[in-house]
Each structure stands twice: as C-alpha cells, then as structure tokens.
Amino acid sequence: TLISQAQHTLIISTPYFVPDYSLISILSATAYRGVEVTMIFPKNNDSFIVAATSHSYYWQLLEAGVKIYEYQPGLLHAKTLTVDGEISLIGSTNLDLRSFDLNYENNIVFSDKKLTADIVARQYQYIADSEEVTREEVRNWPLSYRIWNNIIATMGPVL
C-alpha cells in the first residue's frame, strides 16, 4: 500500500520554492539522515525568476539525496506536505520567504492516516506526471544557465 511505502518519507509539492538557508539545511539534513525526501515542482513556472531561483538549489538538494520531480502537464499549484504517511499539511503557503514573512497564509496539519493516504496517492499521481531531475542533468546545465540561476537567487530575500 502507499502508506507502507511512505514510512520514513517526506513528500512536498509547491509551485514556488525560494528557500532561505535554514530551509535548505533542514531538507538536506533530513535526506542525509536517511529519510526519503521528495520534492515536486512545476516544470513550467509562471515566474521565470522563481524558476531560476528554485533551480539554483537543485544541485545542493540532489547531492543530499533529495529526489526532485518536475510536473509536466502545467503549473502544479498544490501546496502539500506528507510525513511518513501519517501526517499531512495542506494550505496556501509556498516554500518562499514571502509566504513565511509577509503574506497571510493559512495551512492546516492533519494527523489522519486515511486523509494522508489520499494526499500521498495524489502526490504519487503528480510524480507519475513528472520527470525526475537527476544530478547528471543538473551537472550538464550550461555554465551560463547556472550563473543566471545563482544571480537571480541572490534576489531571493525580496521575491
């Protein structure tokens, strides 16, 4: 079942990923501890600035063992998080500083295995409709593209 597959997992979907150092550190440390961390982003974001910023963190996440998927059919706007197939969070908060510090975002945390199983099933559907991003792929990005992403990421605190 999906729940038995979900032990020691953290699955996150978010359209906007503009993390600060602490969030990148937490996600990386979680993966280094052996938790299977999976992140699902849209392949085509409606903000090229956010997309570039997100891409600037791919290498660090992949090096830590985080699995990254890019949703193909369109802009995946779901903000979901599931932990070990037992706890889930849904709401309006993106993984960006604007959501954390400026906007009036709302989320709800559920400790409900049935509801979480339904959300995990939806997350696996997102993954099925996605392409996995590999370290090899990111390693082969042109230098100009990597520099562009990193320059844009320096604006992260104001995005």
N, C-alpha and C. Protein backbone atom coordinates (compact mmCIF):
# COMPACT_ATOMS: atom_id res chain seq x y z
N THR A 1 0.84 -1.19 0.00
CA THR A 1 0.00 0.00 0.00
C THR A 1 0.87 1.25 0.00
N LEU A 2 0.26 2.37 -0.33
CA LEU A 2 1.01 3.62 -0.33
C LEU A 2 1.50 3.98 1.06
N ILE A 3 0.69 3.67 2.08
CA ILE A 3 1.10 4.01 3.45
C ILE A 3 2.35 3.23 3.83
N SER A 4 2.42 1.94 3.51
CA SER A 4 3.61 1.18 3.88
C SER A 4 4.83 1.68 3.11
N GLN A 5 4.62 2.18 1.88
CA GLN A 5 5.72 2.75 1.12
C GLN A 5 6.16 4.08 1.70
N ALA A 6 5.29 4.71 2.47
CA ALA A 6 5.53 6.08 2.90
C ALA A 6 6.31 6.20 4.20
N GLN A 7 6.70 5.10 4.82
CA GLN A 7 7.46 5.20 6.06
C GLN A 7 8.81 5.84 5.81
N HIS A 8 9.21 6.73 6.70
CA HIS A 8 10.47 7.47 6.60
C HIS A 8 10.54 8.29 5.32
N THR A 9 9.43 8.97 5.03
CA THR A 9 9.36 9.79 3.84
C THR A 9 8.85 11.19 4.17
N LEU A 10 9.27 12.10 3.35
CA LEU A 10 8.77 13.47 3.36
C LEU A 10 8.54 13.83 1.90
N ILE A 11 7.29 14.08 1.55
CA ILE A 11 6.96 14.44 0.17
C ILE A 11 6.34 15.82 0.18
N ILE A 12 6.87 16.70 -0.67
CA ILE A 12 6.44 18.09 -0.71
C ILE A 12 6.13 18.47 -2.15
N SER A 13 5.00 19.13 -2.35
CA SER A 13 4.75 19.78 -3.64
C SER A 13 4.54 21.25 -3.38
N THR A 14 5.15 22.08 -4.23
CA THR A 14 5.00 23.52 -4.11
C THR A 14 5.30 24.17 -5.46
N PRO A 15 4.54 25.18 -5.83
CA PRO A 15 4.84 25.85 -7.09
C PRO A 15 5.99 26.85 -6.97
N TYR A 16 6.18 27.40 -5.78
CA TYR A 16 7.16 28.46 -5.59
C TYR A 16 8.13 28.06 -4.49
N PHE A 17 9.39 27.86 -4.89
CA PHE A 17 10.43 27.41 -3.96
C PHE A 17 11.55 28.43 -3.97
N VAL A 18 11.51 29.32 -2.98
CA VAL A 18 12.54 30.34 -2.80
C VAL A 18 12.97 30.24 -1.34
N PRO A 19 13.79 29.22 -1.03
CA PRO A 19 14.12 28.93 0.36
C PRO A 19 15.19 29.85 0.93
N ASP A 20 15.23 29.90 2.23
CA ASP A 20 16.37 30.53 2.89
C ASP A 20 17.34 29.43 3.31
N TYR A 21 18.45 29.83 3.89
CA TYR A 21 19.49 28.87 4.26
C TYR A 21 18.96 27.80 5.22
N SER A 22 18.13 28.20 6.17
CA SER A 22 17.65 27.23 7.16
C SER A 22 16.78 26.16 6.52
N LEU A 23 15.95 26.52 5.56
CA LEU A 23 15.10 25.52 4.91
C LEU A 23 15.93 24.55 4.08
N ILE A 24 16.89 25.06 3.33
CA ILE A 24 17.77 24.17 2.56
C ILE A 24 18.53 23.25 3.50
N SER A 25 19.01 23.78 4.62
CA SER A 25 19.74 22.97 5.60
C SER A 25 18.87 21.88 6.19
N ILE A 26 17.63 22.21 6.51
CA ILE A 26 16.72 21.23 7.09
C ILE A 26 16.40 20.13 6.09
N LEU A 27 16.09 20.50 4.86
CA LEU A 27 15.78 19.48 3.85
C LEU A 27 16.98 18.59 3.58
N SER A 28 18.15 19.19 3.48
CA SER A 28 19.37 18.40 3.23
C SER A 28 19.67 17.48 4.41
N ALA A 29 19.60 18.00 5.62
CA ALA A 29 19.88 17.19 6.82
C ALA A 29 18.90 16.04 6.92
N THR A 30 17.66 16.28 6.59
CA THR A 30 16.64 15.22 6.64
C THR A 30 16.99 14.11 5.67
N ALA A 31 17.40 14.47 4.46
CA ALA A 31 17.80 13.46 3.47
C ALA A 31 19.07 12.73 3.92
N TYR A 32 20.05 13.46 4.45
CA TYR A 32 21.28 12.83 4.93
C TYR A 32 21.01 11.84 6.06
N ARG A 33 19.94 12.07 6.86
CA ARG A 33 19.58 11.15 7.94
C ARG A 33 18.92 9.88 7.43
N GLY A 34 18.68 9.79 6.13
CA GLY A 34 18.10 8.58 5.56
C GLY A 34 16.61 8.66 5.29
N VAL A 35 16.02 9.81 5.53
CA VAL A 35 14.61 9.99 5.19
C VAL A 35 14.53 10.21 3.68
N GLU A 36 13.58 9.55 3.02
CA GLU A 36 13.40 9.75 1.59
C GLU A 36 12.63 11.05 1.38
N VAL A 37 13.35 12.07 0.95
CA VAL A 37 12.75 13.39 0.72
C VAL A 37 12.50 13.55 -0.77
N THR A 38 11.25 13.85 -1.10
CA THR A 38 10.84 14.04 -2.48
C THR A 38 10.19 15.40 -2.62
N MET A 39 10.63 16.15 -3.62
CA MET A 39 10.07 17.47 -3.87
C MET A 39 9.52 17.50 -5.30
N ILE A 40 8.32 18.08 -5.43
CA ILE A 40 7.66 18.16 -6.72
C ILE A 40 7.42 19.64 -7.04
N PHE A 41 8.00 20.07 -8.15
CA PHE A 41 7.88 21.44 -8.62
C PHE A 41 7.25 21.44 -10.00
N PRO A 42 6.68 22.55 -10.44
CA PRO A 42 6.19 22.60 -11.82
C PRO A 42 7.37 22.68 -12.79
N LYS A 43 7.25 22.01 -13.92
CA LYS A 43 8.28 22.12 -14.97
C LYS A 43 8.29 23.54 -15.53
N ASN A 44 7.11 24.07 -15.77
CA ASN A 44 6.97 25.43 -16.31
C ASN A 44 6.31 26.30 -15.27
N ASN A 45 7.10 27.14 -14.64
CA ASN A 45 6.60 28.03 -13.60
C ASN A 45 6.07 29.30 -14.26
N ASP A 46 5.10 29.93 -13.62
CA ASP A 46 4.57 31.18 -14.17
C ASP A 46 5.46 32.38 -13.83
N SER A 47 6.54 32.13 -13.09
CA SER A 47 7.52 33.18 -12.78
C SER A 47 8.91 32.66 -13.13
N PHE A 48 9.52 33.23 -14.16
CA PHE A 48 10.85 32.78 -14.55
C PHE A 48 11.87 33.10 -13.45
N ILE A 49 11.60 34.12 -12.66
CA ILE A 49 12.50 34.47 -11.57
C ILE A 49 12.46 33.41 -10.48
N VAL A 50 11.27 32.98 -10.12
CA VAL A 50 11.13 31.92 -9.12
C VAL A 50 11.72 30.62 -9.65
N ALA A 51 11.47 30.32 -10.92
CA ALA A 51 12.02 29.09 -11.50
C ALA A 51 13.54 29.09 -11.44
N ALA A 52 14.15 30.21 -11.81
CA ALA A 52 15.61 30.29 -11.77
C ALA A 52 16.13 30.14 -10.34
N THR A 53 15.45 30.78 -9.41
CA THR A 53 15.86 30.67 -8.00
C THR A 53 15.75 29.23 -7.53
N SER A 54 14.63 28.59 -7.83
CA SER A 54 14.45 27.17 -7.45
C SER A 54 15.57 26.32 -8.04
N HIS A 55 15.85 26.51 -9.31
CA HIS A 55 16.89 25.72 -9.97
C HIS A 55 18.25 25.91 -9.34
N SER A 56 18.50 27.08 -8.78
CA SER A 56 19.82 27.32 -8.18
C SER A 56 20.08 26.42 -6.97
N TYR A 57 19.02 25.84 -6.41
CA TYR A 57 19.17 24.97 -5.23
C TYR A 57 19.12 23.49 -5.58
N TYR A 58 18.84 23.16 -6.82
CA TYR A 58 18.71 21.75 -7.20
C TYR A 58 19.96 20.94 -6.87
N TRP A 59 21.13 21.47 -7.22
CA TRP A 59 22.35 20.68 -7.03
C TRP A 59 22.55 20.31 -5.56
N GLN A 60 22.40 21.28 -4.68
CA GLN A 60 22.59 21.02 -3.25
C GLN A 60 21.59 19.99 -2.75
N LEU A 61 20.35 20.10 -3.18
CA LEU A 61 19.34 19.14 -2.75
C LEU A 61 19.64 17.74 -3.30
N LEU A 62 19.98 17.66 -4.57
CA LEU A 62 20.29 16.36 -5.17
C LEU A 62 21.51 15.72 -4.53
N GLU A 63 22.52 16.52 -4.22
CA GLU A 63 23.72 16.00 -3.56
C GLU A 63 23.38 15.40 -2.19
N ALA A 64 22.39 15.96 -1.52
CA ALA A 64 21.97 15.46 -0.21
C ALA A 64 21.11 14.20 -0.33
N GLY A 65 20.66 13.90 -1.55
CA GLY A 65 19.82 12.72 -1.74
C GLY A 65 18.35 13.03 -1.91
N VAL A 66 17.99 14.29 -2.00
CA VAL A 66 16.60 14.67 -2.23
C VAL A 66 16.24 14.30 -3.66
N LYS A 67 15.07 13.72 -3.85
CA LYS A 67 14.57 13.43 -5.19
C LYS A 67 13.74 14.63 -5.65
N ILE A 68 14.00 15.07 -6.86
CA ILE A 68 13.30 16.22 -7.41
C ILE A 68 12.55 15.79 -8.66
N TYR A 69 11.28 16.14 -8.71
CA TYR A 69 10.44 15.87 -9.87
C TYR A 69 9.86 17.17 -10.37
N GLU A 70 9.77 17.29 -11.69
CA GLU A 70 9.13 18.44 -12.29
C GLU A 70 7.86 17.99 -13.01
N TYR A 71 6.76 18.52 -12.54
CA TYR A 71 5.42 18.19 -13.05
C TYR A 71 5.27 18.75 -14.46
N GLN A 72 4.87 17.89 -15.40
CA GLN A 72 4.85 18.25 -16.81
C GLN A 72 3.56 18.89 -17.33
N PRO A 73 2.37 18.45 -16.90
CA PRO A 73 1.15 18.91 -17.58
C PRO A 73 0.85 20.41 -17.51
N GLY A 74 1.36 21.10 -16.53
CA GLY A 74 1.07 22.53 -16.40
C GLY A 74 1.62 23.04 -15.08
N LEU A 75 1.11 24.18 -14.66
CA LEU A 75 1.57 24.74 -13.38
C LEU A 75 0.92 23.97 -12.24
N LEU A 76 1.71 23.17 -11.57
CA LEU A 76 1.23 22.47 -10.38
C LEU A 76 1.19 23.48 -9.25
N HIS A 77 0.00 23.79 -8.78
CA HIS A 77 -0.13 24.84 -7.77
C HIS A 77 -0.43 24.28 -6.38
N ALA A 78 -0.43 22.96 -6.25
CA ALA A 78 -0.73 22.33 -4.96
C ALA A 78 0.41 22.55 -3.98
N LYS A 79 0.02 22.88 -2.76
CA LYS A 79 0.98 23.01 -1.66
C LYS A 79 0.66 21.90 -0.68
N THR A 80 1.41 20.80 -0.79
CA THR A 80 1.15 19.64 0.06
C THR A 80 2.45 19.19 0.70
N LEU A 81 2.30 18.57 1.85
CA LEU A 81 3.44 18.00 2.57
C LEU A 81 2.91 16.80 3.32
N THR A 82 3.58 15.66 3.17
CA THR A 82 3.21 14.47 3.95
C THR A 82 4.45 13.92 4.62
N VAL A 83 4.26 13.40 5.82
CA VAL A 83 5.35 12.85 6.61
C VAL A 83 5.00 11.43 7.02
N ASP A 84 5.83 10.49 6.60
CA ASP A 84 5.71 9.07 6.99
C ASP A 84 4.32 8.49 6.75
N GLY A 85 3.57 9.04 5.81
CA GLY A 85 2.25 8.52 5.52
C GLY A 85 1.26 8.67 6.66
N GLU A 86 1.60 9.50 7.64
CA GLU A 86 0.73 9.66 8.81
C GLU A 86 0.27 11.08 9.05
N ILE A 87 1.09 12.04 8.67
CA ILE A 87 0.79 13.44 8.93
C ILE A 87 0.81 14.18 7.60
N SER A 88 -0.12 15.09 7.43
CA SER A 88 -0.14 15.87 6.20
C SER A 88 -0.43 17.33 6.51
N LEU A 89 0.00 18.15 5.57
CA LEU A 89 -0.23 19.59 5.67
C LEU A 89 -0.66 20.07 4.29
N ILE A 90 -1.73 20.82 4.26
CA ILE A 90 -2.17 21.46 3.03
C ILE A 90 -2.52 22.90 3.36
N GLY A 91 -2.45 23.75 2.37
CA GLY A 91 -2.79 25.14 2.60
C GLY A 91 -2.34 26.03 1.49
N SER A 92 -2.16 27.29 1.82
CA SER A 92 -1.81 28.29 0.81
C SER A 92 -0.34 28.71 0.85
N THR A 93 0.42 28.22 1.81
CA THR A 93 1.81 28.65 1.96
C THR A 93 2.72 27.97 0.96
N ASN A 94 3.47 28.80 0.24
CA ASN A 94 4.53 28.32 -0.62
C ASN A 94 5.80 28.20 0.21
N LEU A 95 6.80 27.55 -0.34
CA LEU A 95 8.09 27.48 0.35
C LEU A 95 8.95 28.65 -0.10
N ASP A 96 8.52 29.84 0.31
CA ASP A 96 9.25 31.05 -0.01
C ASP A 96 9.13 32.05 1.13
N LEU A 97 10.03 32.99 1.15
CA LEU A 97 10.07 33.96 2.24
C LEU A 97 8.83 34.84 2.28
N ARG A 98 8.28 35.16 1.13
CA ARG A 98 7.07 35.98 1.08
C ARG A 98 5.93 35.28 1.83
N SER A 99 5.76 34.00 1.59
CA SER A 99 4.70 33.26 2.29
C SER A 99 4.97 33.18 3.79
N PHE A 100 6.25 33.00 4.15
CA PHE A 100 6.59 32.85 5.56
C PHE A 100 6.50 34.16 6.33
N ASP A 101 6.91 35.26 5.71
CA ASP A 101 7.09 36.51 6.45
C ASP A 101 6.11 37.63 6.12
N LEU A 102 5.54 37.64 4.91
CA LEU A 102 4.74 38.79 4.51
C LEU A 102 3.25 38.50 4.32
N ASN A 103 2.96 37.42 3.64
CA ASN A 103 1.56 37.13 3.31
C ASN A 103 0.83 36.51 4.49
N TYR A 104 -0.45 36.62 4.46
CA TYR A 104 -1.29 35.99 5.47
C TYR A 104 -1.73 34.63 4.93
N GLU A 105 -0.84 33.68 5.06
CA GLU A 105 -1.08 32.33 4.54
C GLU A 105 -1.71 31.46 5.61
N ASN A 106 -2.44 30.46 5.15
CA ASN A 106 -3.09 29.53 6.07
C ASN A 106 -2.79 28.10 5.66
N ASN A 107 -2.50 27.28 6.64
CA ASN A 107 -2.28 25.85 6.44
C ASN A 107 -3.01 25.11 7.54
N ILE A 108 -3.23 23.85 7.27
CA ILE A 108 -3.80 23.00 8.31
C ILE A 108 -3.02 21.70 8.32
N VAL A 109 -2.70 21.23 9.52
CA VAL A 109 -1.97 19.99 9.71
C VAL A 109 -2.97 18.93 10.15
N PHE A 110 -2.87 17.76 9.53
CA PHE A 110 -3.75 16.64 9.86
C PHE A 110 -2.92 15.48 10.36
N SER A 111 -3.38 14.86 11.43
CA SER A 111 -2.81 13.60 11.89
C SER A 111 -3.89 12.56 11.67
N ASP A 112 -4.08 12.22 10.41
CA ASP A 112 -5.16 11.33 10.00
C ASP A 112 -4.62 10.43 8.89
N LYS A 113 -4.47 9.15 9.18
CA LYS A 113 -3.84 8.24 8.22
C LYS A 113 -4.65 8.10 6.94
N LYS A 114 -5.96 8.07 7.02
CA LYS A 114 -6.79 7.93 5.82
C LYS A 114 -6.65 9.15 4.92
N LEU A 115 -6.80 10.33 5.50
CA LEU A 115 -6.66 11.55 4.72
C LEU A 115 -5.25 11.67 4.15
N THR A 116 -4.26 11.36 4.95
CA THR A 116 -2.88 11.42 4.48
C THR A 116 -2.65 10.42 3.36
N ALA A 117 -3.24 9.24 3.45
CA ALA A 117 -3.11 8.25 2.37
C ALA A 117 -3.68 8.81 1.07
N ASP A 118 -4.79 9.53 1.16
CA ASP A 118 -5.37 10.14 -0.04
C ASP A 118 -4.45 11.21 -0.62
N ILE A 119 -3.83 11.99 0.25
CA ILE A 119 -2.91 13.04 -0.22
C ILE A 119 -1.65 12.41 -0.81
N VAL A 120 -1.13 11.36 -0.16
CA VAL A 120 0.04 10.65 -0.70
C VAL A 120 -0.30 10.07 -2.08
N ALA A 121 -1.49 9.51 -2.24
CA ALA A 121 -1.89 8.97 -3.54
C ALA A 121 -1.88 10.08 -4.60
N ARG A 122 -2.37 11.25 -4.22
CA ARG A 122 -2.37 12.39 -5.16
C ARG A 122 -0.93 12.80 -5.46
N GLN A 123 -0.06 12.82 -4.45
CA GLN A 123 1.34 13.17 -4.68
C GLN A 123 2.01 12.18 -5.63
N TYR A 124 1.69 10.89 -5.49
CA TYR A 124 2.26 9.90 -6.40
C TYR A 124 1.73 10.09 -7.81
N GLN A 125 0.50 10.59 -7.94
CA GLN A 125 -0.02 10.91 -9.27
C GLN A 125 0.75 12.07 -9.88
N TYR A 126 1.05 13.07 -9.05
CA TYR A 126 1.89 14.17 -9.53
C TYR A 126 3.23 13.64 -10.02
N ILE A 127 3.82 12.74 -9.24
CA ILE A 127 5.12 12.17 -9.61
C ILE A 127 5.01 11.39 -10.92
N ALA A 128 3.92 10.65 -11.08
CA ALA A 128 3.72 9.89 -12.32
C ALA A 128 3.63 10.82 -13.53
N ASP A 129 3.15 12.03 -13.32
CA ASP A 129 3.02 13.02 -14.38
C ASP A 129 4.24 13.95 -14.46
N SER A 130 5.33 13.53 -13.86
CA SER A 130 6.53 14.36 -13.77
C SER A 130 7.72 13.65 -14.38
N GLU A 131 8.77 14.42 -14.58
CA GLU A 131 10.07 13.86 -14.96
C GLU A 131 11.02 14.09 -13.79
N GLU A 132 11.78 13.06 -13.46
CA GLU A 132 12.76 13.20 -12.39
C GLU A 132 13.95 14.03 -12.89
N VAL A 133 14.41 14.92 -12.04
CA VAL A 133 15.60 15.71 -12.33
C VAL A 133 16.78 14.97 -11.68
N THR A 134 17.80 14.72 -12.46
CA THR A 134 18.95 13.96 -11.96
C THR A 134 20.16 14.87 -11.75
N ARG A 135 21.10 14.37 -10.96
CA ARG A 135 22.35 15.11 -10.78
C ARG A 135 23.08 15.27 -12.11
N GLU A 136 23.05 14.23 -12.92
CA GLU A 136 23.71 14.29 -14.23
C GLU A 136 23.11 15.41 -15.08
N GLU A 137 21.80 15.51 -15.07
CA GLU A 137 21.14 16.57 -15.85
C GLU A 137 21.57 17.95 -15.36
N VAL A 138 21.55 18.15 -14.06
CA VAL A 138 21.91 19.46 -13.49
C VAL A 138 23.40 19.73 -13.73
N ARG A 139 24.23 18.71 -13.59
CA ARG A 139 25.67 18.85 -13.84
C ARG A 139 25.92 19.32 -15.28
N ASN A 140 25.06 18.90 -16.19
CA ASN A 140 25.24 19.24 -17.60
C ASN A 140 24.57 20.54 -18.03
N TRP A 141 23.93 21.24 -17.09
CA TRP A 141 23.38 22.55 -17.44
C TRP A 141 24.53 23.44 -17.90
N PRO A 142 24.32 24.26 -18.91
CA PRO A 142 25.38 25.18 -19.34
C PRO A 142 25.79 26.11 -18.20
N LEU A 143 27.06 26.45 -18.18
CA LEU A 143 27.59 27.34 -17.15
C LEU A 143 26.79 28.65 -17.11
N SER A 144 26.45 29.18 -18.26
CA SER A 144 25.70 30.44 -18.31
C SER A 144 24.34 30.31 -17.61
N TYR A 145 23.70 29.14 -17.76
CA TYR A 145 22.40 28.89 -17.12
C TYR A 145 22.57 28.82 -15.59
N ARG A 146 23.60 28.13 -15.14
CA ARG A 146 23.85 28.03 -13.70
C ARG A 146 24.18 29.39 -13.09
N ILE A 147 24.97 30.17 -13.80
CA ILE A 147 25.30 31.52 -13.30
C ILE A 147 24.04 32.37 -13.25
N TRP A 148 23.22 32.32 -14.29
CA TRP A 148 21.95 33.06 -14.31
C TRP A 148 21.09 32.68 -13.10
N ASN A 149 20.92 31.40 -12.86
CA ASN A 149 20.10 30.95 -11.72
C ASN A 149 20.64 31.49 -10.41
N ASN A 150 21.95 31.43 -10.23
CA ASN A 150 22.56 31.88 -8.98
C ASN A 150 22.46 33.40 -8.80
N ILE A 151 22.59 34.14 -9.88
CA ILE A 151 22.43 35.60 -9.79
C ILE A 151 21.00 35.94 -9.39
N ILE A 152 20.05 35.30 -10.05
CA ILE A 152 18.63 35.55 -9.72
C ILE A 152 18.35 35.15 -8.27
N ALA A 153 18.95 34.07 -7.81
CA ALA A 153 18.70 33.59 -6.44
C ALA A 153 19.16 34.60 -5.40
N THR A 154 20.11 35.46 -5.74
CA THR A 154 20.54 36.47 -4.77
C THR A 154 19.41 37.44 -4.44
N MET A 155 18.40 37.49 -5.29
CA MET A 155 17.23 38.34 -5.02
C MET A 155 16.18 37.63 -4.16
N GLY A 156 16.46 36.38 -3.81
CA GLY A 156 15.51 35.58 -3.04
C GLY A 156 14.87 36.30 -1.87
N PRO A 157 15.63 37.02 -1.07
CA PRO A 157 15.02 37.69 0.09
C PRO A 157 13.95 38.72 -0.25
N VAL A 158 13.94 39.22 -1.49
CA VAL A 158 12.92 40.22 -1.85
C VAL A 158 11.85 39.66 -2.78
N LEU A 159 11.95 38.39 -3.15
CA LEU A 159 10.94 37.80 -4.04
C LEU A 159 9.64 37.52 -3.31
